[in-house]
PDB file of N, CA and C in Angstrom:
ATOM      1  N   UNK A   1      65.292 -85.663  19.319  1.00  0.00           N
ATOM      2  CA  UNK A   1      64.001 -85.069  19.025  1.00  0.00           C
ATOM      3  C   UNK A   1      63.980 -84.678  17.543  1.00  0.00           C
ATOM      4  N   UNK A   2      63.345 -85.492  16.710  1.00  0.00           N
ATOM      5  CA  UNK A   2      63.331 -85.246  15.275  1.00  0.00           C
ATOM      6  C   UNK A   2      62.133 -84.400  14.862  1.00  0.00           C
ATOM      7  N   UNK A   3      62.311 -83.676  13.784  1.00  0.00           N
ATOM      8  CA  UNK A   3      61.223 -82.874  13.246  1.00  0.00           C
ATOM      9  C   UNK A   3      60.244 -83.777  12.495  1.00  0.00           C
ATOM     10  N   UNK A   4      59.066 -83.243  12.254  1.00  0.00           N
ATOM     11  CA  UNK A   4      58.070 -83.965  11.469  1.00  0.00           C
ATOM     12  C   UNK A   4      58.632 -84.276  10.083  1.00  0.00           C
ATOM     13  N   UNK A   5      59.293 -83.290   9.504  1.00  0.00           N
ATOM     14  CA  UNK A   5      59.885 -83.485   8.177  1.00  0.00           C
ATOM     15  C   UNK A   5      60.890 -84.633   8.167  1.00  0.00           C
ATOM     16  N   UNK A   6      61.751 -84.694   9.179  1.00  0.00           N
ATOM     17  CA  UNK A   6      62.749 -85.761   9.251  1.00  0.00           C
ATOM     18  C   UNK A   6      62.072 -87.125   9.394  1.00  0.00           C
ATOM     19  N   UNK A   7      61.010 -87.190  10.177  1.00  0.00           N
ATOM     20  CA  UNK A   7      60.281 -88.452  10.339  1.00  0.00           C
ATOM     21  C   UNK A   7      59.606 -88.879   9.045  1.00  0.00           C
ATOM     22  N   UNK A   8      59.038 -87.919   8.314  1.00  0.00           N
ATOM     23  CA  UNK A   8      58.408 -88.234   7.028  1.00  0.00           C
ATOM     24  C   UNK A   8      59.461 -88.725   6.055  1.00  0.00           C
ATOM     25  N   UNK A   9      60.585 -88.041   6.002  1.00  0.00           N
ATOM     26  CA  UNK A   9      61.666 -88.445   5.098  1.00  0.00           C
ATOM     27  C   UNK A   9      62.149 -89.855   5.416  1.00  0.00           C
ATOM     28  N   UNK A  10      62.315 -90.172   6.678  1.00  0.00           N
ATOM     29  CA  UNK A  10      62.747 -91.515   7.070  1.00  0.00           C
ATOM     30  C   UNK A  10      61.704 -92.559   6.650  1.00  0.00           C
ATOM     31  N   UNK A  11      60.436 -92.249   6.883  1.00  0.00           N
ATOM     32  CA  UNK A  11      59.371 -93.185   6.500  1.00  0.00           C
ATOM     33  C   UNK A  11      59.352 -93.412   4.992  1.00  0.00           C
ATOM     34  N   UNK A  12      59.546 -92.354   4.219  1.00  0.00           N
ATOM     35  CA  UNK A  12      59.568 -92.502   2.761  1.00  0.00           C
ATOM     36  C   UNK A  12      60.773 -93.318   2.301  1.00  0.00           C
ATOM     37  N   UNK A  13      61.924 -93.088   2.910  1.00  0.00           N
ATOM     38  CA  UNK A  13      63.100 -93.891   2.570  1.00  0.00           C
ATOM     39  C   UNK A  13      62.840 -95.363   2.872  1.00  0.00           C
ATOM     40  N   UNK A  14      62.251 -95.643   4.024  1.00  0.00           N
ATOM     41  CA  UNK A  14      61.917 -97.025   4.386  1.00  0.00           C
ATOM     42  C   UNK A  14      60.942 -97.627   3.375  1.00  0.00           C
ATOM     43  N   UNK A  15      59.933 -96.846   2.984  1.00  0.00           N
ATOM     44  CA  UNK A  15      58.929 -97.320   2.027  1.00  0.00           C
ATOM     45  C   UNK A  15      59.585 -97.655   0.695  1.00  0.00           C
ATOM     46  N   UNK A  16      60.426 -96.732   0.177  1.00  0.00           N
ATOM     47  CA  UNK A  16      61.091 -96.977  -1.100  1.00  0.00           C
ATOM     48  C   UNK A  16      62.036 -98.170  -1.005  1.00  0.00           C
ATOM     49  N   UNK A  17      62.648 -98.344   0.155  1.00  0.00           N
ATOM     50  CA  UNK A  17      63.542 -99.483   0.344  1.00  0.00           C
ATOM     51  C   UNK A  17      62.811-100.817   0.313  1.00  0.00           C
ATOM     52  N   UNK A  18      61.548-100.829   0.666  1.00  0.00           N
ATOM     53  CA  UNK A  18      60.753-102.057   0.683  1.00  0.00           C
ATOM     54  C   UNK A  18      60.147-102.397  -0.670  1.00  0.00           C
ATOM     55  N   UNK A  19      60.252-101.484  -1.629  1.00  0.00           N
ATOM     56  CA  UNK A  19      59.640-101.717  -2.937  1.00  0.00           C
ATOM     57  C   UNK A  19      60.378-102.763  -3.771  1.00  0.00           C
ATOM     58  N   UNK A  20      61.625-103.049  -3.398  1.00  0.00           N
ATOM     59  CA  UNK A  20      62.403-104.091  -4.081  1.00  0.00           C
ATOM     60  C   UNK A  20      62.465-103.838  -5.587  1.00  0.00           C
ATOM     61  N   UNK A  21      62.741-102.589  -5.966  1.00  0.00           N
ATOM     62  CA  UNK A  21      62.909-102.251  -7.372  1.00  0.00           C
ATOM     63  C   UNK A  21      61.625-101.930  -8.121  1.00  0.00           C
ATOM     64  N   UNK A  22      60.489-102.164  -7.501  1.00  0.00           N
ATOM     65  CA  UNK A  22      59.226-101.859  -8.165  1.00  0.00           C
ATOM     66  C   UNK A  22      58.971-100.354  -8.107  1.00  0.00           C
ATOM     67  N   UNK A  23      58.266 -99.867  -9.102  1.00  0.00           N
ATOM     68  CA  UNK A  23      57.936 -98.452  -9.156  1.00  0.00           C
ATOM     69  C   UNK A  23      56.611 -98.209  -8.427  1.00  0.00           C
ATOM     70  N   UNK A  24      56.580 -97.237  -7.517  1.00  0.00           N
ATOM     71  CA  UNK A  24      55.319 -96.966  -6.807  1.00  0.00           C
ATOM     72  C   UNK A  24      54.310 -96.302  -7.735  1.00  0.00           C
ATOM     73  N   UNK A  25      53.049 -96.425  -7.393  1.00  0.00           N
ATOM     74  CA  UNK A  25      52.007 -95.721  -8.145  1.00  0.00           C
ATOM     75  C   UNK A  25      51.106 -94.996  -7.158  1.00  0.00           C
ATOM     76  N   UNK A  26      50.519 -93.912  -7.590  1.00  0.00           N
ATOM     77  CA  UNK A  26      49.635 -93.094  -6.766  1.00  0.00           C
ATOM     78  C   UNK A  26      50.278 -92.740  -5.417  1.00  0.00           C
ATOM     79  N   UNK A  27      51.552 -92.385  -5.479  1.00  0.00           N
ATOM     80  CA  UNK A  27      52.295 -92.078  -4.256  1.00  0.00           C
ATOM     81  C   UNK A  27      51.680 -90.892  -3.510  1.00  0.00           C
ATOM     82  N   UNK A  28      51.228 -89.878  -4.258  1.00  0.00           N
ATOM     83  CA  UNK A  28      50.606 -88.720  -3.619  1.00  0.00           C
ATOM     84  C   UNK A  28      49.392 -89.142  -2.800  1.00  0.00           C
ATOM     85  N   UNK A  29      48.511 -89.907  -3.414  1.00  0.00           N
ATOM     86  CA  UNK A  29      47.306 -90.370  -2.726  1.00  0.00           C
ATOM     87  C   UNK A  29      47.630 -91.217  -1.519  1.00  0.00           C
ATOM     88  N   UNK A  30      48.618 -92.091  -1.652  1.00  0.00           N
ATOM     89  CA  UNK A  30      49.024 -92.953  -0.548  1.00  0.00           C
ATOM     90  C   UNK A  30      49.528 -92.129   0.635  1.00  0.00           C
ATOM     91  N   UNK A  31      50.418 -91.194   0.362  1.00  0.00           N
ATOM     92  CA  UNK A  31      50.991 -90.376   1.434  1.00  0.00           C
ATOM     93  C   UNK A  31      49.910 -89.515   2.092  1.00  0.00           C
ATOM     94  N   UNK A  32      49.056 -88.901   1.278  1.00  0.00           N
ATOM     95  CA  UNK A  32      48.010 -88.048   1.834  1.00  0.00           C
ATOM     96  C   UNK A  32      47.064 -88.849   2.730  1.00  0.00           C
ATOM     97  N   UNK A  33      46.684 -90.034   2.295  1.00  0.00           N
ATOM     98  CA  UNK A  33      45.789 -90.863   3.107  1.00  0.00           C
ATOM     99  C   UNK A  33      46.460 -91.292   4.409  1.00  0.00           C
ATOM    100  N   UNK A  34      47.746 -91.605   4.340  1.00  0.00           N
ATOM    101  CA  UNK A  34      48.476 -92.053   5.525  1.00  0.00           C
ATOM    102  C   UNK A  34      48.679 -90.922   6.527  1.00  0.00           C
ATOM    103  N   UNK A  35      48.766 -89.698   6.059  1.00  0.00           N
ATOM    104  CA  UNK A  35      49.021 -88.555   6.940  1.00  0.00           C
ATOM    105  C   UNK A  35      47.717 -87.868   7.367  1.00  0.00           C
ATOM    106  N   UNK A  36      46.811 -87.709   6.414  1.00  0.00           N
ATOM    107  CA  UNK A  36      45.609 -86.923   6.664  1.00  0.00           C
ATOM    108  C   UNK A  36      44.701 -87.526   7.735  1.00  0.00           C
ATOM    109  N   UNK A  37      44.465 -88.808   7.669  1.00  0.00           N
ATOM    110  CA  UNK A  37      43.551 -89.436   8.623  1.00  0.00           C
ATOM    111  C   UNK A  37      44.036 -89.292  10.069  1.00  0.00           C
ATOM    112  N   UNK A  38      45.280 -89.685  10.385  1.00  0.00           N
ATOM    113  CA  UNK A  38      45.709 -89.513  11.780  1.00  0.00           C
ATOM    114  C   UNK A  38      45.803 -88.046  12.198  1.00  0.00           C
ATOM    115  N   UNK A  39      46.112 -87.154  11.248  1.00  0.00           N
ATOM    116  CA  UNK A  39      46.159 -85.729  11.571  1.00  0.00           C
ATOM    117  C   UNK A  39      44.777 -85.231  11.969  1.00  0.00           C
ATOM    118  N   UNK A  40      43.778 -85.573  11.192  1.00  0.00           N
ATOM    119  CA  UNK A  40      42.407 -85.154  11.497  1.00  0.00           C
ATOM    120  C   UNK A  40      41.952 -85.742  12.830  1.00  0.00           C
ATOM    121  N   UNK A  41      42.220 -87.032  13.041  1.00  0.00           N
ATOM    122  CA  UNK A  41      41.811 -87.672  14.293  1.00  0.00           C
ATOM    123  C   UNK A  41      42.488 -87.034  15.500  1.00  0.00           C
ATOM    124  N   UNK A  42      43.771 -86.707  15.366  1.00  0.00           N
ATOM    125  CA  UNK A  42      44.509 -86.102  16.479  1.00  0.00           C
ATOM    126  C   UNK A  42      43.977 -84.710  16.798  1.00  0.00           C
ATOM    127  N   UNK A  43      43.716 -83.918  15.783  1.00  0.00           N
ATOM    128  CA  UNK A  43      43.212 -82.565  16.005  1.00  0.00           C
ATOM    129  C   UNK A  43      41.801 -82.610  16.586  1.00  0.00           C
ATOM    130  N   UNK A  44      40.985 -83.552  16.136  1.00  0.00           N
ATOM    131  CA  UNK A  44      39.646 -83.688  16.710  1.00  0.00           C
ATOM    132  C   UNK A  44      39.716 -84.065  18.192  1.00  0.00           C
ATOM    133  N   UNK A  45      40.655 -84.935  18.550  1.00  0.00           N
ATOM    134  CA  UNK A  45      40.832 -85.272  19.974  1.00  0.00           C
ATOM    135  C   UNK A  45      41.299 -84.041  20.758  1.00  0.00           C
ATOM    136  N   UNK A  46      42.231 -83.314  20.177  1.00  0.00           N
ATOM    137  CA  UNK A  46      42.774 -82.115  20.821  1.00  0.00           C
ATOM    138  C   UNK A  46      41.684 -81.085  21.094  1.00  0.00           C
ATOM    139  N   UNK A  47      40.717 -80.979  20.179  1.00  0.00           N
ATOM    140  CA  UNK A  47      39.649 -79.987  20.306  1.00  0.00           C
ATOM    141  C   UNK A  47      38.382 -80.570  20.932  1.00  0.00           C
ATOM    142  N   UNK A  48      38.503 -81.782  21.472  1.00  0.00           N
ATOM    143  CA  UNK A  48      37.345 -82.460  22.066  1.00  0.00           C
ATOM    144  C   UNK A  48      36.194 -82.562  21.064  1.00  0.00           C
ATOM    145  N   UNK A  49      36.568 -82.886  19.817  1.00  0.00           N
ATOM    146  CA  UNK A  49      35.641 -83.128  18.699  1.00  0.00           C
ATOM    147  C   UNK A  49      34.909 -81.869  18.229  1.00  0.00           C
ATOM    148  N   UNK A  50      35.414 -80.706  18.576  1.00  0.00           N
ATOM    149  CA  UNK A  50      34.828 -79.459  18.099  1.00  0.00           C
ATOM    150  C   UNK A  50      35.304 -79.225  16.666  1.00  0.00           C
ATOM    151  N   UNK A  51      34.411 -79.446  15.714  1.00  0.00           N
ATOM    152  CA  UNK A  51      34.774 -79.386  14.307  1.00  0.00           C
ATOM    153  C   UNK A  51      35.174 -77.982  13.866  1.00  0.00           C
ATOM    154  N   UNK A  52      34.541 -76.980  14.405  1.00  0.00           N
ATOM    155  CA  UNK A  52      34.892 -75.605  14.038  1.00  0.00           C
ATOM    156  C   UNK A  52      36.321 -75.282  14.461  1.00  0.00           C
ATOM    157  N   UNK A  53      36.669 -75.623  15.688  1.00  0.00           N
ATOM    158  CA  UNK A  53      38.031 -75.384  16.174  1.00  0.00           C
ATOM    159  C   UNK A  53      39.038 -76.238  15.411  1.00  0.00           C
ATOM    160  N   UNK A  54      38.682 -77.478  15.145  1.00  0.00           N
ATOM    161  CA  UNK A  54      39.582 -78.374  14.417  1.00  0.00           C
ATOM    162  C   UNK A  54      39.854 -77.834  13.020  1.00  0.00           C
ATOM    163  N   UNK A  55      38.820 -77.357  12.355  1.00  0.00           N
ATOM    164  CA  UNK A  55      38.986 -76.810  11.006  1.00  0.00           C
ATOM    165  C   UNK A  55      39.922 -75.605  11.017  1.00  0.00           C
ATOM    166  N   UNK A  56      39.793 -74.763  12.023  1.00  0.00           N
ATOM    167  CA  UNK A  56      40.670 -73.591  12.127  1.00  0.00           C
ATOM    168  C   UNK A  56      42.115 -74.032  12.320  1.00  0.00           C
ATOM    169  N   UNK A  57      42.338 -74.977  13.210  1.00  0.00           N
ATOM    170  CA  UNK A  57      43.694 -75.475  13.462  1.00  0.00           C
ATOM    171  C   UNK A  57      44.282 -76.089  12.193  1.00  0.00           C
ATOM    172  N   UNK A  58      43.458 -76.825  11.451  1.00  0.00           N
ATOM    173  CA  UNK A  58      43.927 -77.485  10.228  1.00  0.00           C
ATOM    174  C   UNK A  58      44.060 -76.521   9.051  1.00  0.00           C
ATOM    175  N   UNK A  59      43.419 -75.363   9.143  1.00  0.00           N
ATOM    176  CA  UNK A  59      43.482 -74.395   8.052  1.00  0.00           C
ATOM    177  C   UNK A  59      42.578 -74.755   6.885  1.00  0.00           C
ATOM    178  N   UNK A  60      41.477 -75.441   7.191  1.00  0.00           N
ATOM    179  CA  UNK A  60      40.500 -75.824   6.168  1.00  0.00           C
ATOM    180  C   UNK A  60      39.111 -75.408   6.649  1.00  0.00           C
ATOM    181  N   UNK A  61      38.160 -75.424   5.731  1.00  0.00           N
ATOM    182  CA  UNK A  61      36.796 -75.071   6.136  1.00  0.00           C
ATOM    183  C   UNK A  61      36.168 -76.239   6.901  1.00  0.00           C
ATOM    184  N   UNK A  62      35.132 -75.939   7.666  1.00  0.00           N
ATOM    185  CA  UNK A  62      34.433 -76.990   8.398  1.00  0.00           C
ATOM    186  C   UNK A  62      33.792 -77.976   7.429  1.00  0.00           C
ATOM    187  N   UNK A  63      33.310 -77.480   6.306  1.00  0.00           N
ATOM    188  CA  UNK A  63      32.734 -78.366   5.291  1.00  0.00           C
ATOM    189  C   UNK A  63      33.763 -79.338   4.728  1.00  0.00           C
ATOM    190  N   UNK A  64      34.966 -78.834   4.469  1.00  0.00           N
ATOM    191  CA  UNK A  64      36.040 -79.701   3.987  1.00  0.00           C
ATOM    192  C   UNK A  64      36.413 -80.727   5.049  1.00  0.00           C
ATOM    193  N   UNK A  65      36.476 -80.291   6.294  1.00  0.00           N
ATOM    194  CA  UNK A  65      36.770 -81.222   7.386  1.00  0.00           C
ATOM    195  C   UNK A  65      35.720 -82.323   7.443  1.00  0.00           C
ATOM    196  N   UNK A  66      34.458 -81.959   7.367  1.00  0.00           N
ATOM    197  CA  UNK A  66      33.378 -82.949   7.425  1.00  0.00           C
ATOM    198  C   UNK A  66      33.466 -83.928   6.253  1.00  0.00           C
ATOM    199  N   UNK A  67      33.805 -83.414   5.065  1.00  0.00           N
ATOM    200  CA  UNK A  67      33.958 -84.266   3.888  1.00  0.00           C
ATOM    201  C   UNK A  67      35.092 -85.273   4.103  1.00  0.00           C
ATOM    202  N   UNK A  68      36.207 -84.798   4.619  1.00  0.00           N
ATOM    203  CA  UNK A  68      37.356 -85.678   4.873  1.00  0.00           C
ATOM    204  C   UNK A  68      37.033 -86.682   5.978  1.00  0.00           C
ATOM    205  N   UNK A  69      36.281 -86.269   6.989  1.00  0.00           N
ATOM    206  CA  UNK A  69      35.867 -87.187   8.035  1.00  0.00           C
ATOM    207  C   UNK A  69      35.014 -88.308   7.447  1.00  0.00           C
ATOM    208  N   UNK A  70      34.149 -87.963   6.502  1.00  0.00           N
ATOM    209  CA  UNK A  70      33.304 -88.982   5.851  1.00  0.00           C
ATOM    210  C   UNK A  70      34.155 -89.920   5.015  1.00  0.00           C
ATOM    211  N   UNK A  71      35.128 -89.387   4.307  1.00  0.00           N
ATOM    212  CA  UNK A  71      36.022 -90.199   3.468  1.00  0.00           C
ATOM    213  C   UNK A  71      36.761 -91.223   4.322  1.00  0.00           C
ATOM    214  N   UNK A  72      37.291 -90.778   5.459  1.00  0.00           N
ATOM    215  CA  UNK A  72      38.113 -91.636   6.311  1.00  0.00           C
ATOM    216  C   UNK A  72      37.317 -92.379   7.374  1.00  0.00           C
ATOM    217  N   UNK A  73      36.021 -92.181   7.402  1.00  0.00           N
ATOM    218  CA  UNK A  73      35.189 -92.874   8.386  1.00  0.00           C
ATOM    219  C   UNK A  73      35.442 -92.408   9.803  1.00  0.00           C
ATOM    220  N   UNK A  74      35.854 -91.155   9.941  1.00  0.00           N
ATOM    221  CA  UNK A  74      36.105 -90.575  11.258  1.00  0.00           C
ATOM    222  C   UNK A  74      34.792 -90.092  11.828  1.00  0.00           C
ATOM    223  N   UNK A  75      34.475 -90.555  13.022  1.00  0.00           N
ATOM    224  CA  UNK A  75      33.208 -90.170  13.632  1.00  0.00           C
ATOM    225  C   UNK A  75      33.438 -89.211  14.767  1.00  0.00           C
TER     226      UNK A  75
END
């Protein structure tokens, strides 16, 4: 049973291993997009699409949640 941190670390090691010596760019944006979208979708499912509850669980405002949903095409 691995922690979220351990899984992220393993995924990053795998990603860097696949770069074949190339230097990554916009790594922050890449990681945030890869994590944020499934996190938002999972919390919305957990709350039965209640945006107010989802925002509280995520620790962001409902407006920020709605903005991120629009960015990621989450309906």
